[in-house]
Amino acid sequence: MTDDVRRAAELLKEHRASIDRLDAILVYTLGERFKHTQAVGRLKAAHGLPPSDPAREDQQIARLEDLAHQADLDPEFAKKFLNFIIQEVIRHHFEHQK
C-alpha cells in the first residue's frame, strides 16, 4: 500500500467515524423532537385543537430553508426532510385525537 493510499484510507476512516457520530446525534435529536411533538399532540387533543397547523408548518418550512442556506445544505432537501417529519407528527396528532 502506498503512502497516498494509506493516508486516503485513514481519512476515509475519520470521515466515516464523524458520519457515525452525526447519525447518532440525528437519531437522538429526532427522538427528543418527537417527545415534544407527542406532548403537543396530547395537549391539542385535550383542548380540542386541530392536529395540524398549516400556518405554523409554513413558517417552519421557511425557517428551515433559511437555515439550510446558512448551513450550505440544499434547501429543497431540507424542505422535503421537514415535510416528512411534519407528516409524521400530524399522523401522531391524529392518533391522540382518537
Protein backbone atom coordinates (compact mmCIF):
# COMPACT_ATOMS: atom_id res chain seq x y z
CA MET A 1 0.00 0.00 0.00
CA THR A 2 1.41 3.39 -0.98
CA ASP A 3 1.59 6.30 1.46
CA ASP A 4 -1.13 8.11 -0.51
CA VAL A 5 -3.47 5.12 -0.35
CA ARG A 6 -2.73 4.63 3.35
CA ARG A 7 -3.46 8.32 4.05
CA ALA A 8 -6.66 8.14 1.98
CA ALA A 9 -7.77 5.07 3.96
CA GLU A 10 -7.02 6.93 7.20
CA LEU A 11 -9.02 9.98 6.07
CA LEU A 12 -11.89 7.75 4.96
CA LYS A 13 -11.94 6.12 8.39
CA GLU A 14 -12.03 9.56 10.09
CA HIS A 15 -14.85 10.79 7.84
CA ARG A 16 -16.86 7.65 8.49
CA ALA A 17 -16.37 7.97 12.25
CA SER A 18 -17.67 11.56 12.05
CA ILE A 19 -20.63 10.44 9.95
CA ASP A 20 -21.43 7.74 12.52
CA ARG A 21 -21.34 10.29 15.36
CA LEU A 22 -23.54 12.69 13.40
CA ASP A 23 -26.02 9.92 12.60
CA ALA A 24 -26.28 9.19 16.33
CA ILE A 25 -26.84 12.90 17.01
CA LEU A 26 -29.58 13.00 14.37
CA VAL A 27 -31.36 9.96 15.83
CA TYR A 28 -31.23 11.26 19.41
CA THR A 29 -32.25 14.75 18.26
CA LEU A 30 -35.24 13.34 16.38
CA GLY A 31 -36.15 11.28 19.44
CA GLU A 32 -36.10 14.42 21.59
CA ARG A 33 -38.07 16.36 18.99
CA PHE A 34 -40.76 13.69 18.83
CA LYS A 35 -41.08 13.67 22.62
CA HIS A 36 -42.06 17.33 22.38
CA THR A 37 -44.36 16.86 19.40
CA GLN A 38 -46.07 13.99 21.22
CA ALA A 39 -46.67 16.33 24.16
CA VAL A 40 -48.06 18.93 21.74
CA GLY A 41 -50.36 16.28 20.25
CA ARG A 42 -51.69 15.32 23.68
CA LEU A 43 -52.21 18.99 24.56
CA LYS A 44 -54.06 19.65 21.31
CA ALA A 45 -56.25 16.58 21.82
CA ALA A 46 -57.05 17.55 25.41
CA HIS A 47 -58.19 21.02 24.30
CA GLY A 48 -59.94 20.13 21.04
CA LEU A 49 -57.32 21.83 18.86
CA PRO A 50 -56.77 20.63 15.29
CA PRO A 51 -53.95 18.14 14.73
CA SER A 52 -52.31 20.28 12.06
CA ASP A 53 -51.43 23.97 11.95
CA PRO A 54 -50.72 24.91 8.31
CA ALA A 55 -49.57 28.45 9.17
CA ARG A 56 -47.02 27.11 11.68
CA GLU A 57 -45.91 24.45 9.21
CA ASP A 58 -45.34 27.08 6.50
CA GLN A 59 -43.34 29.21 8.96
CA GLN A 60 -41.21 26.23 9.94
CA ILE A 61 -40.53 25.29 6.33
CA ALA A 62 -39.46 28.86 5.50
CA ARG A 63 -37.29 28.94 8.64
CA LEU A 64 -35.66 25.63 7.76
CA GLU A 65 -35.00 26.75 4.18
CA ASP A 66 -33.21 29.82 5.57
CA LEU A 67 -31.20 27.66 7.97
CA ALA A 68 -30.34 25.32 5.10
CA HIS A 69 -28.94 28.23 3.10
CA GLN A 70 -26.86 29.27 6.10
CA ALA A 71 -25.61 25.70 6.61
CA ASP A 72 -24.78 25.25 2.90
CA LEU A 73 -27.39 22.49 2.67
CA ASP A 74 -29.68 22.05 -0.33
CA PRO A 75 -32.86 23.91 0.72
CA GLU A 76 -35.06 21.56 -1.32
CA PHE A 77 -33.66 18.59 0.58
CA ALA A 78 -34.23 20.40 3.90
CA LYS A 79 -37.80 21.19 2.85
CA LYS A 80 -38.50 17.56 1.90
CA PHE A 81 -36.98 16.37 5.17
CA LEU A 82 -39.09 18.73 7.28
CA ASN A 83 -42.24 17.89 5.30
CA PHE A 84 -41.60 14.22 6.04
CA ILE A 85 -41.24 14.96 9.75
CA ILE A 86 -44.33 17.19 9.78
CA GLN A 87 -46.45 14.48 8.17
CA GLU A 88 -45.30 12.00 10.81
CA VAL A 89 -46.09 14.49 13.60
CA ILE A 90 -49.56 15.14 12.18
CA ARG A 91 -50.15 11.38 11.99
CA HIS A 92 -49.26 11.13 15.69
CA HIS A 93 -51.54 14.06 16.49
CA PHE A 94 -54.46 12.35 14.74
CA GLU A 95 -53.73 9.26 16.84
CA HIS A 96 -54.02 11.37 20.01
CA GLN A 97 -57.36 12.71 18.79
CA LYS A 98 -58.85 9.19 18.77
